[in-house]
Amino acid sequence: MTSVGADDLRLRPVVRESTAVMIADQVRDAIERGDLRPGAQLGEAELARQLGVSRGPLREGLQRLTQEGLLLSIRNRGLFVIEMTPDRVRDMYTARQAVERAAAEQIHLADPHEAGTELLTIADTMQEMVDADDATGMGEADIAFHDLLVRLAGSPRLSRMHRTLLTETRMGIHALGPTYRGDDARVAEHREIAQSFVDRDPERTDRLLRLHMADAVTRLTHGRNE
């Protein structure tokens, strides 16, 4: 076996997090909050000024978000935040369904009872938000439920993919959200999914996730133009 010396490896010193990554995170957060609205054009000079960075790392950070699909580059016009049309919502939920069903499969191979218990706690929070007529709190608890579901799978790749999908989910709710209010039916859907983990029933979990995603698409796109 040939030994490879340190001088033979073209490795760079490990840094905690690059400036471009931090820029991408901040702009992604602004898109999630709705500070950068769907269809908004991004001005490099203004963003660089607000973030206190030079154009180089800014462009690298924005390129990351373009690759994720959150920004759209139009030649000779610039960068724009994507608009969540019904077609994009349907496509996003197709991807979410694939990621969350894969995550659920991994959970059932490990400790589904404990995972279900944690998810039931969030379902309780969702009910509290509905009772308080707190639509924003309900939406955040809904997102937290699905974020936790994927994180419990212990797959960094699934979590990375899911992060972008949840950003798009928030955008879809902001853009198409009047038909997607919090109610007892939504809480019941999440509670059933959580209980299926407690009951160690992977087939029911899979069926419930598919039905849940289909219902979300219907709520968000009902009566909307293509």
Protein backbone atom coordinates (compact mmCIF):
# COMPACT_ATOMS: atom_id res chain seq x y z
CA MET A 1 0.00 0.00 0.00
CA THR A 2 1.35 3.42 -1.00
CA SER A 3 1.43 6.03 1.72
CA VAL A 4 0.34 9.54 0.78
CA GLY A 5 2.24 12.30 2.54
CA ALA A 6 0.68 15.55 3.63
CA ASP A 7 2.67 17.45 1.00
CA ASP A 8 1.11 15.30 -1.74
CA LEU A 9 -2.44 16.43 -0.93
CA ARG A 10 -3.75 19.65 -2.42
CA LEU A 11 -5.95 20.54 0.52
CA ARG A 12 -6.81 23.99 1.76
CA PRO A 13 -7.02 24.87 5.45
CA VAL A 14 -10.45 24.16 6.87
CA VAL A 15 -12.52 27.25 7.52
CA ARG A 16 -15.65 27.32 9.63
CA GLU A 17 -17.90 28.85 6.99
CA SER A 18 -17.17 30.85 3.85
CA THR A 19 -18.45 34.36 3.32
CA ALA A 20 -20.40 33.16 0.28
CA VAL A 21 -22.23 30.57 2.38
CA MET A 22 -23.14 33.17 4.99
CA ILE A 23 -24.37 35.53 2.26
CA ALA A 24 -26.50 32.77 0.74
CA ASP A 25 -27.95 32.00 4.18
CA GLN A 26 -28.88 35.63 4.81
CA VAL A 27 -30.50 36.14 1.41
CA ARG A 28 -32.34 32.81 1.75
CA ASP A 29 -33.67 33.93 5.14
CA ALA A 30 -34.83 37.23 3.60
CA ILE A 31 -36.70 35.30 0.91
CA GLU A 32 -38.29 33.06 3.55
CA ARG A 33 -39.46 36.04 5.61
CA GLY A 34 -40.90 37.72 2.56
CA ASP A 35 -38.48 40.68 2.80
CA LEU A 36 -37.43 39.80 -0.75
CA ARG A 37 -40.73 39.22 -2.51
CA PRO A 38 -41.33 36.75 -5.37
CA GLY A 39 -40.43 38.41 -8.66
CA ALA A 40 -38.21 41.03 -6.98
CA GLN A 41 -35.02 41.97 -8.80
CA LEU A 42 -31.83 41.82 -6.74
CA GLY A 43 -29.50 44.80 -7.03
CA GLU A 44 -25.90 43.77 -6.42
CA ALA A 45 -24.76 47.23 -5.29
CA GLU A 46 -27.51 47.58 -2.69
CA LEU A 47 -27.11 44.02 -1.39
CA ALA A 48 -23.33 44.39 -1.14
CA ARG A 49 -23.81 47.64 0.81
CA GLN A 50 -26.35 46.15 3.24
CA LEU A 51 -24.32 43.00 3.83
CA GLY A 52 -21.00 44.86 4.04
CA VAL A 53 -19.28 42.60 1.48
CA SER A 54 -17.56 42.96 -1.87
CA ARG A 55 -19.13 41.94 -5.19
CA GLY A 56 -17.05 38.74 -5.51
CA PRO A 57 -18.38 36.75 -2.54
CA LEU A 58 -21.84 38.29 -3.07
CA ARG A 59 -22.01 36.88 -6.59
CA GLU A 60 -20.80 33.50 -5.34
CA GLY A 61 -23.47 33.47 -2.66
CA LEU A 62 -26.21 34.45 -5.10
CA GLN A 63 -25.00 31.78 -7.52
CA ARG A 64 -25.60 29.19 -4.81
CA LEU A 65 -29.21 30.31 -4.52
CA THR A 66 -29.58 30.26 -8.31
CA GLN A 67 -28.38 26.65 -8.31
CA GLU A 68 -30.90 25.86 -5.56
CA GLY A 69 -33.64 27.31 -7.75
CA LEU A 70 -34.58 30.20 -5.46
CA LEU A 71 -33.20 32.84 -7.83
CA LEU A 72 -33.69 33.12 -11.57
CA SER A 73 -30.98 34.59 -13.79
CA ILE A 74 -32.33 36.36 -16.88
CA ARG A 75 -29.75 37.32 -19.46
CA ASN A 76 -29.21 41.07 -19.84
CA ARG A 77 -31.73 41.73 -17.06
CA GLY A 78 -30.28 40.32 -13.84
CA LEU A 79 -31.29 38.11 -10.93
CA PHE A 80 -34.85 37.74 -9.70
CA VAL A 81 -36.53 35.90 -6.85
CA ILE A 82 -38.62 33.10 -8.35
CA GLU A 83 -42.40 33.43 -8.37
CA MET A 84 -44.39 30.57 -6.84
CA THR A 85 -46.83 29.74 -9.60
CA PRO A 86 -49.23 26.77 -9.22
CA ASP A 87 -46.95 24.71 -11.49
CA ARG A 88 -43.93 25.47 -9.30
CA VAL A 89 -45.93 24.60 -6.17
CA ARG A 90 -46.89 21.22 -7.62
CA ASP A 91 -43.30 20.49 -8.65
CA MET A 92 -41.98 21.56 -5.24
CA TYR A 93 -44.40 19.25 -3.43
CA THR A 94 -43.43 16.37 -5.73
CA ALA A 95 -39.85 16.84 -4.51
CA ARG A 96 -40.92 17.30 -0.89
CA GLN A 97 -42.91 14.10 -1.01
CA ALA A 98 -39.88 12.18 -2.26
CA VAL A 99 -37.61 13.60 0.45
CA GLU A 100 -40.04 13.18 3.34
CA ARG A 101 -41.09 9.65 2.37
CA ALA A 102 -37.41 8.68 2.18
CA ALA A 103 -36.82 10.29 5.59
CA ALA A 104 -39.80 8.43 7.06
CA GLU A 105 -38.44 5.15 5.76
CA GLN A 106 -35.14 5.77 7.55
CA ILE A 107 -36.92 6.70 10.79
CA HIS A 108 -38.86 3.45 10.75
CA LEU A 109 -35.56 1.58 10.47
CA ALA A 110 -34.28 3.28 13.63
CA ASP A 111 -36.48 4.51 16.49
CA PRO A 112 -39.92 5.46 15.12
CA HIS A 113 -41.61 5.51 18.53
CA GLU A 114 -39.33 8.24 19.90
CA ALA A 115 -39.57 10.19 16.63
CA GLY A 116 -43.35 10.01 16.71
CA THR A 117 -43.41 11.26 20.28
CA GLU A 118 -41.34 14.31 19.33
CA LEU A 119 -43.58 15.00 16.35
CA LEU A 120 -46.71 14.72 18.48
CA THR A 121 -45.34 17.49 20.69
CA ILE A 122 -45.21 19.80 17.67
CA ALA A 123 -48.73 18.72 16.67
CA ASP A 124 -49.83 19.88 20.14
CA THR A 125 -48.19 23.25 19.47
CA MET A 126 -50.03 23.47 16.16
CA GLN A 127 -53.35 22.95 17.96
CA GLU A 128 -52.45 25.69 20.44
CA MET A 129 -51.81 28.07 17.54
CA VAL A 130 -55.15 27.20 15.95
CA ASP A 131 -56.96 27.74 19.26
CA ALA A 132 -55.24 31.12 19.59
CA ASP A 133 -56.14 32.01 15.99
CA ASP A 134 -52.42 32.59 15.35
CA ALA A 135 -52.01 31.86 11.63
CA THR A 136 -48.33 32.81 11.63
CA GLY A 137 -47.55 30.59 14.61
CA MET A 138 -49.48 27.75 13.02
CA GLY A 139 -47.50 28.10 9.79
CA GLU A 140 -44.18 28.07 11.63
CA ALA A 141 -45.20 25.02 13.69
CA ASP A 142 -46.24 23.27 10.47
CA ILE A 143 -42.81 23.96 8.94
CA ALA A 144 -41.10 22.86 12.18
CA PHE A 145 -42.95 19.53 12.07
CA HIS A 146 -41.67 18.68 8.60
CA ASP A 147 -38.20 20.03 9.30
CA LEU A 148 -37.94 17.77 12.35
CA LEU A 149 -39.31 14.77 10.45
CA VAL A 150 -36.46 14.99 7.94
CA ARG A 151 -33.78 15.78 10.52
CA LEU A 152 -34.78 12.70 12.52
CA ALA A 153 -33.77 10.57 9.54
CA GLY A 154 -30.14 11.48 10.24
CA SER A 155 -29.33 12.13 6.57
CA PRO A 156 -27.39 15.35 5.89
CA ARG A 157 -28.18 15.11 2.17
CA LEU A 158 -31.93 14.84 2.71
CA SER A 159 -31.75 17.75 5.16
CA ARG A 160 -29.87 19.95 2.67
CA MET A 161 -32.40 19.28 -0.08
CA HIS A 162 -35.28 19.78 2.32
CA ARG A 163 -34.05 23.18 3.47
CA THR A 164 -34.52 24.70 0.02
CA LEU A 165 -37.89 23.00 -0.36
CA LEU A 166 -39.11 24.47 2.92
CA THR A 167 -38.03 27.93 1.78
CA GLU A 168 -40.15 27.43 -1.33
CA THR A 169 -42.98 26.16 0.85
CA ARG A 170 -42.95 29.40 2.83
CA MET A 171 -42.90 31.37 -0.42
CA GLY A 172 -45.86 29.39 -1.71
CA ILE A 173 -47.84 30.02 1.45
CA HIS A 174 -47.06 33.76 1.27
CA ALA A 175 -47.98 33.97 -2.42
CA LEU A 176 -50.94 31.60 -2.60
CA GLY A 177 -51.78 31.40 1.06
CA PRO A 178 -55.36 32.68 1.50
CA THR A 179 -56.59 29.14 0.84
CA TYR A 180 -54.01 27.64 3.21
CA ARG A 181 -55.15 28.84 6.62
CA GLY A 182 -54.62 26.93 9.84
CA ASP A 183 -57.45 24.69 10.95
CA ASP A 184 -58.23 21.57 12.96
CA ALA A 185 -58.09 19.37 9.85
CA ARG A 186 -54.46 20.29 9.21
CA VAL A 187 -53.57 19.56 12.82
CA ALA A 188 -55.31 16.18 12.59
CA GLU A 189 -53.29 15.29 9.48
CA HIS A 190 -50.02 15.98 11.26
CA ARG A 191 -51.13 14.18 14.40
CA GLU A 192 -51.98 11.06 12.35
CA ILE A 193 -48.57 11.10 10.69
CA ALA A 194 -46.84 11.38 14.07
CA GLN A 195 -48.99 8.61 15.55
CA SER A 196 -48.13 6.27 12.68
CA PHE A 197 -44.48 6.48 13.80
CA VAL A 198 -45.46 5.78 17.40
CA ASP A 199 -47.42 2.75 16.17
CA ARG A 200 -44.45 1.58 14.07
CA ASP A 201 -46.61 1.41 10.94
CA PRO A 202 -44.42 2.42 7.93
CA GLU A 203 -47.12 1.68 5.33
CA ARG A 204 -49.56 4.03 7.06
CA THR A 205 -46.88 6.71 7.40
CA ASP A 206 -46.14 6.52 3.68
CA ARG A 207 -49.82 6.66 2.73
CA LEU A 208 -50.51 9.59 5.06
CA LEU A 209 -47.55 11.59 3.75
CA ARG A 210 -48.72 11.14 0.16
CA LEU A 211 -52.26 12.23 1.07
CA HIS A 212 -50.94 15.17 3.10
CA MET A 213 -48.83 16.49 0.23
CA ALA A 214 -51.68 16.11 -2.26
CA ASP A 215 -53.98 18.02 0.09
CA ALA A 216 -51.43 20.84 0.46
CA VAL A 217 -51.15 21.21 -3.32
CA THR A 218 -54.93 21.38 -3.62
CA ARG A 219 -55.18 24.02 -0.90
CA LEU A 220 -52.43 26.19 -2.37
CA THR A 221 -53.46 26.00 -6.04
CA HIS A 222 -57.25 25.78 -5.86
CA GLY A 223 -58.82 28.36 -8.12
CA ARG A 224 -55.48 29.86 -9.13
CA ASN A 225 -54.49 30.60 -12.71
CA GLU A 226 -51.63 28.58 -14.18
